[in-house]
Amino acid sequence: LLQQPGGRGALSIHNNEGATPVSLALERGYQKLH
């Protein structure tokens, strides 16, 4: 998804709980993903 149009832009978008994909990875302890 990162390689597709809009992939990088999606990283800074918050969902209704205020989480971005980056903060979700950190919160869940997905180190490689982060």
Full PDB file with SEQRES, HELIX, SHEET, SSBOND, CRYST1, ORIGX, SCALE, CONECT and MASTER records, all heavy atoms in Angstrom:
SEQRES   1 A   34  LEU LEU GLN GLN PRO GLY GLY ARG GLY ALA LEU SER ILE          
SEQRES   2 A   34  HIS ASN ASN GLU GLY ALA THR PRO VAL SER LEU ALA LEU          
SEQRES   3 A   34  GLU ARG GLY TYR GLN LYS LEU HIS                              
HELIX    1 AA1 GLY A    9  SER A   12  5                                   4    
HELIX    2 AA2 PRO A   21  GLU A   27  1                                   7    
CRYST1    1.000    1.000    1.000  90.00  90.00  90.00 P 1           1          
ORIGX1      1.000000  0.000000  0.000000        0.00000                         
ORIGX2      0.000000  1.000000  0.000000        0.00000                         
ORIGX3      0.000000  0.000000  1.000000        0.00000                         
SCALE1      1.000000  0.000000  0.000000        0.00000                         
SCALE2      0.000000  1.000000  0.000000        0.00000                         
SCALE3      0.000000  0.000000  1.000000        0.00000                         
ATOM      1  N   LEU A   1       0.828  -1.213   0.000  1.00  0.00           N  
ATOM      2  CA  LEU A   1       0.000   0.000   0.000  1.00  0.00           C  
ATOM      3  C   LEU A   1       0.862   1.263   0.000  1.00  0.00           C  
ATOM      4  O   LEU A   1       0.497   2.268  -0.618  1.00  0.00           O  
ATOM      5  CB  LEU A   1      -0.934  -0.002   1.222  1.00  0.00           C  
ATOM      6  CG  LEU A   1      -2.012  -1.097   1.238  1.00  0.00           C  
ATOM      7  CD1 LEU A   1      -2.777  -1.062   2.552  1.00  0.00           C  
ATOM      8  CD2 LEU A   1      -2.967  -0.947   0.062  1.00  0.00           C  
ATOM      9  N   LEU A   2       1.996   1.216   0.662  1.00  0.00           N  
ATOM     10  CA  LEU A   2       2.904   2.376   0.687  1.00  0.00           C  
ATOM     11  C   LEU A   2       3.388   2.749  -0.708  1.00  0.00           C  
ATOM     12  O   LEU A   2       3.668   3.916  -0.975  1.00  0.00           O  
ATOM     13  CB  LEU A   2       4.121   2.092   1.576  1.00  0.00           C  
ATOM     14  CG  LEU A   2       3.961   2.286   3.079  1.00  0.00           C  
ATOM     15  CD1 LEU A   2       5.222   1.814   3.799  1.00  0.00           C  
ATOM     16  CD2 LEU A   2       3.681   3.748   3.415  1.00  0.00           C  
ATOM     17  N   GLN A   3       3.496   1.763  -1.588  1.00  0.00           N  
ATOM     18  CA  GLN A   3       3.993   2.008  -2.946  1.00  0.00           C  
ATOM     19  C   GLN A   3       2.900   2.519  -3.881  1.00  0.00           C  
ATOM     20  O   GLN A   3       3.183   2.924  -5.010  1.00  0.00           O  
ATOM     21  CB  GLN A   3       4.599   0.728  -3.553  1.00  0.00           C  
ATOM     22  CG  GLN A   3       5.526  -0.057  -2.644  1.00  0.00           C  
ATOM     23  CD  GLN A   3       6.595   0.794  -2.004  1.00  0.00           C  
ATOM     24  OE1 GLN A   3       7.302   1.552  -2.663  1.00  0.00           O  
ATOM     25  NE2 GLN A   3       6.729   0.671  -0.686  1.00  0.00           N  
ATOM     26  N   GLN A   4       1.642   2.485  -3.428  1.00  0.00           N  
ATOM     27  CA  GLN A   4       0.517   2.875  -4.283  1.00  0.00           C  
ATOM     28  C   GLN A   4       0.171   4.355  -4.094  1.00  0.00           C  
ATOM     29  O   GLN A   4       0.523   4.957  -3.080  1.00  0.00           O  
ATOM     30  CB  GLN A   4      -0.716   2.018  -3.963  1.00  0.00           C  
ATOM     31  CG  GLN A   4      -0.480   0.521  -4.017  1.00  0.00           C  
ATOM     32  CD  GLN A   4       0.180   0.074  -5.306  1.00  0.00           C  
ATOM     33  OE1 GLN A   4      -0.294   0.394  -6.393  1.00  0.00           O  
ATOM     34  NE2 GLN A   4       1.279  -0.677  -5.192  1.00  0.00           N  
ATOM     35  N   PRO A   5      -0.540   4.971  -5.067  1.00  0.00           N  
ATOM     36  CA  PRO A   5      -0.982   6.360  -4.910  1.00  0.00           C  
ATOM     37  C   PRO A   5      -1.791   6.528  -3.627  1.00  0.00           C  
ATOM     38  O   PRO A   5      -2.673   5.719  -3.333  1.00  0.00           O  
ATOM     39  CB  PRO A   5      -1.866   6.597  -6.150  1.00  0.00           C  
ATOM     40  CG  PRO A   5      -1.371   5.610  -7.164  1.00  0.00           C  
ATOM     41  CD  PRO A   5      -0.932   4.409  -6.387  1.00  0.00           C  
ATOM     42  N   GLY A   6      -1.446   7.542  -2.850  1.00  0.00           N  
ATOM     43  CA  GLY A   6      -2.152   7.801  -1.595  1.00  0.00           C  
ATOM     44  C   GLY A   6      -1.590   7.044  -0.408  1.00  0.00           C  
ATOM     45  O   GLY A   6      -2.001   7.281   0.734  1.00  0.00           O  
ATOM     46  N   GLY A   7      -0.643   6.139  -0.648  1.00  0.00           N  
ATOM     47  CA  GLY A   7      -0.101   5.319   0.442  1.00  0.00           C  
ATOM     48  C   GLY A   7       0.614   6.131   1.503  1.00  0.00           C  
ATOM     49  O   GLY A   7       0.363   5.983   2.698  1.00  0.00           O  
ATOM     50  N   ARG A   8       1.504   7.003   1.065  1.00  0.00           N  
ATOM     51  CA  ARG A   8       2.245   7.842   2.019  1.00  0.00           C  
ATOM     52  C   ARG A   8       1.323   8.856   2.702  1.00  0.00           C  
ATOM     53  O   ARG A   8       1.454   9.145   3.887  1.00  0.00           O  
ATOM     54  CB  ARG A   8       3.387   8.571   1.297  1.00  0.00           C  
ATOM     55  CG  ARG A   8       4.508   7.665   0.845  1.00  0.00           C  
ATOM     56  CD  ARG A   8       5.390   7.263   1.992  1.00  0.00           C  
ATOM     57  NE  ARG A   8       6.314   6.188   1.623  1.00  0.00           N  
ATOM     58  CZ  ARG A   8       7.078   5.548   2.509  1.00  0.00           C  
ATOM     59  NH1 ARG A   8       7.018   5.878   3.778  1.00  0.00           N  
ATOM     60  NH2 ARG A   8       7.877   4.573   2.128  1.00  0.00           N  
ATOM     61  N   GLY A   9       0.372   9.388   1.933  1.00  0.00           N  
ATOM     62  CA  GLY A   9      -0.569  10.364   2.491  1.00  0.00           C  
ATOM     63  C   GLY A   9      -1.424   9.773   3.595  1.00  0.00           C  
ATOM     64  O   GLY A   9      -1.832  10.472   4.527  1.00  0.00           O  
ATOM     65  N   ALA A  10      -1.696   8.463   3.503  1.00  0.00           N  
ATOM     66  CA  ALA A  10      -2.543   7.804   4.504  1.00  0.00           C  
ATOM     67  C   ALA A  10      -1.886   7.752   5.875  1.00  0.00           C  
ATOM     68  O   ALA A  10      -2.574   7.618   6.891  1.00  0.00           O  
ATOM     69  CB  ALA A  10      -2.883   6.391   4.043  1.00  0.00           C  
ATOM     70  N   LEU A  11      -0.560   7.884   5.931  1.00  0.00           N  
ATOM     71  CA  LEU A  11       0.151   7.751   7.206  1.00  0.00           C  
ATOM     72  C   LEU A  11      -0.187   8.860   8.197  1.00  0.00           C  
ATOM     73  O   LEU A  11      -0.067   8.683   9.407  1.00  0.00           O  
ATOM     74  CB  LEU A  11       1.670   7.717   6.970  1.00  0.00           C  
ATOM     75  CG  LEU A  11       2.198   6.556   6.129  1.00  0.00           C  
ATOM     76  CD1 LEU A  11       3.711   6.616   6.014  1.00  0.00           C  
ATOM     77  CD2 LEU A  11       1.767   5.222   6.732  1.00  0.00           C  
ATOM     78  N   SER A  12      -0.593  10.025   7.693  1.00  0.00           N  
ATOM     79  CA  SER A  12      -0.857  11.165   8.588  1.00  0.00           C  
ATOM     80  C   SER A  12      -2.342  11.357   8.875  1.00  0.00           C  
ATOM     81  O   SER A  12      -2.724  12.303   9.552  1.00  0.00           O  
ATOM     82  CB  SER A  12      -0.279  12.444   7.970  1.00  0.00           C  
ATOM     83  OG  SER A  12      -0.819  12.655   6.680  1.00  0.00           O  
ATOM     84  N   ILE A  13      -3.189  10.459   8.376  1.00  0.00           N  
ATOM     85  CA  ILE A  13      -4.634  10.611   8.582  1.00  0.00           C  
ATOM     86  C   ILE A  13      -5.068   9.952   9.889  1.00  0.00           C  
ATOM     87  O   ILE A  13      -4.726   8.795  10.160  1.00  0.00           O  
ATOM     88  CB  ILE A  13      -5.417  10.026   7.389  1.00  0.00           C  
ATOM     89  CG1 ILE A  13      -5.178  10.900   6.148  1.00  0.00           C  
ATOM     90  CG2 ILE A  13      -6.902   9.920   7.684  1.00  0.00           C  
ATOM     91  CD1 ILE A  13      -5.879  10.452   4.907  1.00  0.00           C  
ATOM     92  N   HIS A  14      -5.805  10.715  10.701  1.00  0.00           N  
ATOM     93  CA  HIS A  14      -6.337  10.211  11.966  1.00  0.00           C  
ATOM     94  C   HIS A  14      -7.691   9.544  11.732  1.00  0.00           C  
ATOM     95  O   HIS A  14      -8.472  10.005  10.904  1.00  0.00           O  
ATOM     96  CB  HIS A  14      -6.526  11.353  12.974  1.00  0.00           C  
ATOM     97  CG  HIS A  14      -5.248  12.017  13.386  1.00  0.00           C  
ATOM     98  ND1 HIS A  14      -4.586  12.931  12.584  1.00  0.00           N  
ATOM     99  CD2 HIS A  14      -4.508  11.886  14.522  1.00  0.00           C  
ATOM    100  CE1 HIS A  14      -3.491  13.339  13.208  1.00  0.00           C  
ATOM    101  NE2 HIS A  14      -3.417  12.729  14.384  1.00  0.00           N  
ATOM    102  N   ASN A  15      -7.948   8.471  12.481  1.00  0.00           N  
ATOM    103  CA  ASN A  15      -9.299   7.902  12.441  1.00  0.00           C  
ATOM    104  C   ASN A  15     -10.136   8.558  13.543  1.00  0.00           C  
ATOM    105  O   ASN A  15      -9.691   9.515  14.187  1.00  0.00           O  
ATOM    106  CB  ASN A  15      -9.268   6.373  12.554  1.00  0.00           C  
ATOM    107  CG  ASN A  15      -8.702   5.890  13.883  1.00  0.00           C  
ATOM    108  OD1 ASN A  15      -8.511   6.679  14.821  1.00  0.00           O  
ATOM    109  ND2 ASN A  15      -8.437   4.600  13.975  1.00  0.00           N  
ATOM    110  N   ASN A  16     -11.343   8.058  13.764  1.00  0.00           N  
ATOM    111  CA  ASN A  16     -12.248   8.693  14.732  1.00  0.00           C  
ATOM    112  C   ASN A  16     -11.743   8.618  16.172  1.00  0.00           C  
ATOM    113  O   ASN A  16     -12.195   9.368  17.033  1.00  0.00           O  
ATOM    114  CB  ASN A  16     -13.650   8.080  14.642  1.00  0.00           C  
ATOM    115  CG  ASN A  16     -14.355   8.479  13.354  1.00  0.00           C  
ATOM    116  OD1 ASN A  16     -14.151   9.585  12.854  1.00  0.00           O  
ATOM    117  ND2 ASN A  16     -15.168   7.580  12.800  1.00  0.00           N  
ATOM    118  N   GLU A  17     -10.805   7.704  16.435  1.00  0.00           N  
ATOM    119  CA  GLU A  17     -10.196   7.627  17.777  1.00  0.00           C  
ATOM    120  C   GLU A  17      -8.936   8.481  17.875  1.00  0.00           C  
ATOM    121  O   GLU A  17      -8.257   8.465  18.893  1.00  0.00           O  
ATOM    122  CB  GLU A  17      -9.851   6.173  18.129  1.00  0.00           C  
ATOM    123  CG  GLU A  17     -11.044   5.304  18.464  1.00  0.00           C  
ATOM    124  CD  GLU A  17     -11.734   4.771  17.218  1.00  0.00           C  
ATOM    125  OE1 GLU A  17     -11.029   4.411  16.259  1.00  0.00           O  
ATOM    126  OE2 GLU A  17     -12.979   4.742  17.198  1.00  0.00           O  
ATOM    127  N   GLY A  18      -8.598   9.164  16.775  1.00  0.00           N  
ATOM    128  CA  GLY A  18      -7.414  10.023  16.784  1.00  0.00           C  
ATOM    129  C   GLY A  18      -6.114   9.306  16.491  1.00  0.00           C  
ATOM    130  O   GLY A  18      -5.025   9.868  16.668  1.00  0.00           O  
ATOM    131  N   ALA A  19      -6.203   8.053  16.022  1.00  0.00           N  
ATOM    132  CA  ALA A  19      -4.989   7.269  15.752  1.00  0.00           C  
ATOM    133  C   ALA A  19      -4.613   7.349  14.281  1.00  0.00           C  
ATOM    134  O   ALA A  19      -5.471   7.252  13.401  1.00  0.00           O  
ATOM    135  CB  ALA A  19      -5.203   5.812  16.153  1.00  0.00           C  
ATOM    136  N   THR A  20      -3.332   7.529  14.017  1.00  0.00           N  
ATOM    137  CA  THR A  20      -2.796   7.406  12.658  1.00  0.00           C  
ATOM    138  C   THR A  20      -2.244   5.990  12.513  1.00  0.00           C  
ATOM    139  O   THR A  20      -2.022   5.302  13.525  1.00  0.00           O  
ATOM    140  CB  THR A  20      -1.663   8.410  12.404  1.00  0.00           C  
ATOM    141  OG1 THR A  20      -0.557   8.069  13.264  1.00  0.00           O  
ATOM    142  CG2 THR A  20      -2.109   9.848  12.670  1.00  0.00           C  
ATOM    143  N   PRO A  21      -2.004   5.524  11.290  1.00  0.00           N  
ATOM    144  CA  PRO A  21      -1.370   4.210  11.139  1.00  0.00           C  
ATOM    145  C   PRO A  21      -0.043   4.116  11.890  1.00  0.00           C  
ATOM    146  O   PRO A  21       0.276   3.069  12.471  1.00  0.00           O  
ATOM    147  CB  PRO A  21      -1.173   4.099   9.625  1.00  0.00           C  
ATOM    148  CG  PRO A  21      -2.292   4.898   9.050  1.00  0.00           C  
ATOM    149  CD  PRO A  21      -2.437   6.068   9.979  1.00  0.00           C  
ATOM    150  N   VAL A  22       0.719   5.208  11.915  1.00  0.00           N  
ATOM    151  CA  VAL A  22       2.020   5.209  12.609  1.00  0.00           C  
ATOM    152  C   VAL A  22       1.821   5.043  14.113  1.00  0.00           C  
ATOM    153  O   VAL A  22       2.510   4.242  14.763  1.00  0.00           O  
ATOM    154  CB  VAL A  22       2.799   6.507  12.307  1.00  0.00           C  
ATOM    155  CG1 VAL A  22       4.109   6.539  13.091  1.00  0.00           C  
ATOM    156  CG2 VAL A  22       3.087   6.626  10.813  1.00  0.00           C  
ATOM    157  N   SER A  23       0.873   5.802  14.692  1.00  0.00           N  
ATOM    158  CA  SER A  23       0.645   5.696  16.140  1.00  0.00           C  
ATOM    159  C   SER A  23       0.052   4.337  16.514  1.00  0.00           C  
ATOM    160  O   SER A  23       0.332   3.805  17.592  1.00  0.00           O  
ATOM    161  CB  SER A  23      -0.260   6.836  16.631  1.00  0.00           C  
ATOM    162  OG  SER A  23      -1.587   6.696  16.138  1.00  0.00           O  
ATOM    163  N   LEU A  24      -0.746   3.753  15.601  1.00  0.00           N  
ATOM    164  CA  LEU A  24      -1.298   2.423  15.855  1.00  0.00           C  
ATOM    165  C   LEU A  24      -0.180   1.379  15.956  1.00  0.00           C  
ATOM    166  O   LEU A  24      -0.202   0.520  16.845  1.00  0.00           O  
ATOM    167  CB  LEU A  24      -2.240   2.030  14.718  1.00  0.00           C  
ATOM    168  CG  LEU A  24      -3.742   2.241  14.891  1.00  0.00           C  
ATOM    169  CD1 LEU A  24      -4.478   1.793  13.631  1.00  0.00           C  
ATOM    170  CD2 LEU A  24      -4.281   1.518  16.100  1.00  0.00           C  
ATOM    171  N   ALA A  25       0.789   1.461  15.038  1.00  0.00           N  
ATOM    172  CA  ALA A  25       1.910   0.511  15.042  1.00  0.00           C  
ATOM    173  C   ALA A  25       2.698   0.629  16.341  1.00  0.00           C  
ATOM    174  O   ALA A  25       3.111  -0.376  16.934  1.00  0.00           O  
ATOM    175  CB  ALA A  25       2.813   0.766  13.841  1.00  0.00           C  
ATOM    176  N   LEU A  26       2.890   1.856  16.802  1.00  0.00           N  
ATOM    177  CA  LEU A  26       3.641   2.101  18.038  1.00  0.00           C  
ATOM    178  C   LEU A  26       2.876   1.587  19.247  1.00  0.00           C  
ATOM    179  O   LEU A  26       3.429   0.902  20.114  1.00  0.00           O  
ATOM    180  CB  LEU A  26       3.907   3.611  18.177  1.00  0.00           C  
ATOM    181  CG  LEU A  26       4.983   4.048  19.161  1.00  0.00           C  
ATOM    182  CD1 LEU A  26       6.334   3.467  18.773  1.00  0.00           C  
ATOM    183  CD2 LEU A  26       5.056   5.572  19.217  1.00  0.00           C  
ATOM    184  N   GLU A  27       1.600   1.891  19.264  1.00  0.00           N  
ATOM    185  CA  GLU A  27       0.734   1.498  20.383  1.00  0.00           C  
ATOM    186  C   GLU A  27       0.658  -0.013  20.535  1.00  0.00           C  
ATOM    187  O   GLU A  27       0.627  -0.547  21.642  1.00  0.00           O  
ATOM    188  CB  GLU A  27      -0.663   2.078  20.131  1.00  0.00           C  
ATOM    189  CG  GLU A  27      -1.742   1.642  21.099  1.00  0.00           C  
ATOM    190  CD  GLU A  27      -3.140   1.965  20.570  1.00  0.00           C  
ATOM    191  OE1 GLU A  27      -3.329   3.065  20.002  1.00  0.00           O  
ATOM    192  OE2 GLU A  27      -4.024   1.107  20.709  1.00  0.00           O  
ATOM    193  N   ARG A  28       0.673  -0.730  19.411  1.00  0.00           N  
ATOM    194  CA  ARG A  28       0.536  -2.187  19.439  1.00  0.00           C  
ATOM    195  C   ARG A  28       1.873  -2.910  19.578  1.00  0.00           C  
ATOM    196  O   ARG A  28       1.923  -4.131  19.622  1.00  0.00           O  
ATOM    197  CB  ARG A  28      -0.168  -2.667  18.182  1.00  0.00           C  
ATOM    198  CG  ARG A  28      -1.492  -1.954  17.957  1.00  0.00           C  
ATOM    199  CD  ARG A  28      -2.585  -2.902  17.692  1.00  0.00           C  
ATOM    200  NE  ARG A  28      -3.884  -2.289  17.921  1.00  0.00           N  
ATOM    201  CZ  ARG A  28      -5.015  -2.886  17.672  1.00  0.00           C  
ATOM    202  NH1 ARG A  28      -5.018  -4.087  17.175  1.00  0.00           N  
ATOM    203  NH2 ARG A  28      -6.161  -2.293  17.922  1.00  0.00           N  
ATOM    204  N   GLY A  29       2.958  -2.156  19.571  1.00  0.00           N  
ATOM    205  CA  GLY A  29       4.269  -2.774  19.733  1.00  0.00           C  
ATOM    206  C   GLY A  29       4.775  -3.466  18.490  1.00  0.00           C  
ATOM    207  O   GLY A  29       5.631  -4.347  18.566  1.00  0.00           O  
ATOM    208  N   TYR A  30       4.254  -3.058  17.318  1.00  0.00           N  
ATOM    209  CA  TYR A  30       4.728  -3.631  16.055  1.00  0.00           C  
ATOM    210  C   TYR A  30       5.991  -2.886  15.620  1.00  0.00           C  
ATOM    211  O   TYR A  30       5.935  -1.963  14.813  1.00  0.00           O  
ATOM    212  CB  TYR A  30       3.655  -3.520  14.970  1.00  0.00           C  
ATOM    213  CG  TYR A  30       2.384  -4.296  15.230  1.00  0.00           C  
ATOM    214  CD1 TYR A  30       1.153  -3.813  14.795  1.00  0.00           C  
ATOM    215  CD2 TYR A  30       2.405  -5.527  15.884  1.00  0.00           C  
ATOM    216  CE1 TYR A  30      -0.023  -4.524  14.998  1.00  0.00           C  
ATOM    217  CE2 TYR A  30       1.235  -6.245  16.105  1.00  0.00           C  
ATOM    218  CZ  TYR A  30       0.026  -5.737  15.667  1.00  0.00           C  
ATOM    219  OH  TYR A  30      -1.133  -6.445  15.883  1.00  0.00           O  
ATOM    220  N   GLN A  31       7.118  -3.297  16.163  1.00  0.00           N  
ATOM    221  CA  GLN A  31       8.366  -2.562  15.940  1.00  0.00           C  
ATOM    222  C   GLN A  31       8.783  -2.546  14.467  1.00  0.00           C  
ATOM    223  O   GLN A  31       9.124  -1.503  13.912  1.00  0.00           O  
ATOM    224  CB  GLN A  31       9.484  -3.177  16.791  1.00  0.00           C  
ATOM    225  CG  GLN A  31      10.759  -2.346  16.791  1.00  0.00           C  
ATOM    226  CD  GLN A  31      11.822  -2.950  17.703  1.00  0.00           C  
ATOM    227  OE1 GLN A  31      11.587  -3.928  18.399  1.00  0.00           O  
ATOM    228  NE2 GLN A  31      13.001  -2.365  17.686  1.00  0.00           N  
ATOM    229  N   LYS A  32       8.755  -3.715  13.819  1.00  0.00           N  
ATOM    230  CA  LYS A  32       9.154  -3.790  12.402  1.00  0.00           C  
ATOM    231  C   LYS A  32       8.240  -2.934  11.536  1.00  0.00           C  
ATOM    232  O   LYS A  32       8.688  -2.257  10.609  1.00  0.00           O  
ATOM    233  CB  LYS A  32       9.121  -5.237  11.912  1.00  0.00           C  
ATOM    234  CG  LYS A  32      10.284  -6.091  12.378  1.00  0.00           C  
ATOM    235  CD  LYS A  32      10.199  -7.472  11.742  1.00  0.00           C  
ATOM    236  CE  LYS A  32      11.359  -8.348  12.182  1.00  0.00           C  
ATOM    237  NZ  LYS A  32      11.269  -9.708  11.608  1.00  0.00           N  
ATOM    238  N   LEU A  33       6.961  -2.970  11.856  1.00  0.00           N  
ATOM    239  CA  LEU A  33       5.971  -2.202  11.100  1.00  0.00           C  
ATOM    240  C   LEU A  33       6.196  -0.700  11.291  1.00  0.00           C  
ATOM    241  O   LEU A  33       6.119   0.078  10.338  1.00  0.00           O  
ATOM    242  CB  LEU A  33       4.568  -2.594  11.545  1.00  0.00           C  
ATOM    243  CG  LEU A  33       3.380  -2.273  10.648  1.00  0.00           C  
ATOM    244  CD1 LEU A  33       3.660  -2.642   9.200  1.00  0.00           C  
ATOM    245  CD2 LEU A  33       2.138  -2.978  11.139  1.00  0.00           C  
ATOM    246  N   HIS A  34       6.500  -0.316  12.525  1.00  0.00           N  
ATOM    247  CA  HIS A  34       6.757   1.101  12.818  1.00  0.00           C  
ATOM    248  C   HIS A  34       7.991   1.588  12.052  1.00  0.00           C  
ATOM    249  O   HIS A  34       8.013   2.687  11.504  1.00  0.00           O  
ATOM    250  CB  HIS A  34       6.940   1.315  14.329  1.00  0.00           C  
ATOM    251  CG  HIS A  34       7.014   2.747  14.725  1.00  0.00           C  
ATOM    252  ND1 HIS A  34       8.222   3.386  14.989  1.00  0.00           N  
ATOM    253  CD2 HIS A  34       6.053   3.696  14.854  1.00  0.00           C  
ATOM    254  CE1 HIS A  34       7.980   4.642  15.291  1.00  0.00           C  
ATOM    255  NE2 HIS A  34       6.675   4.872  15.222  1.00  0.00           N  
TER     256      HIS A  34                                                      
MASTER        0    0    0    2    0    0    0    6  255    1    0    3          
END                                                                             
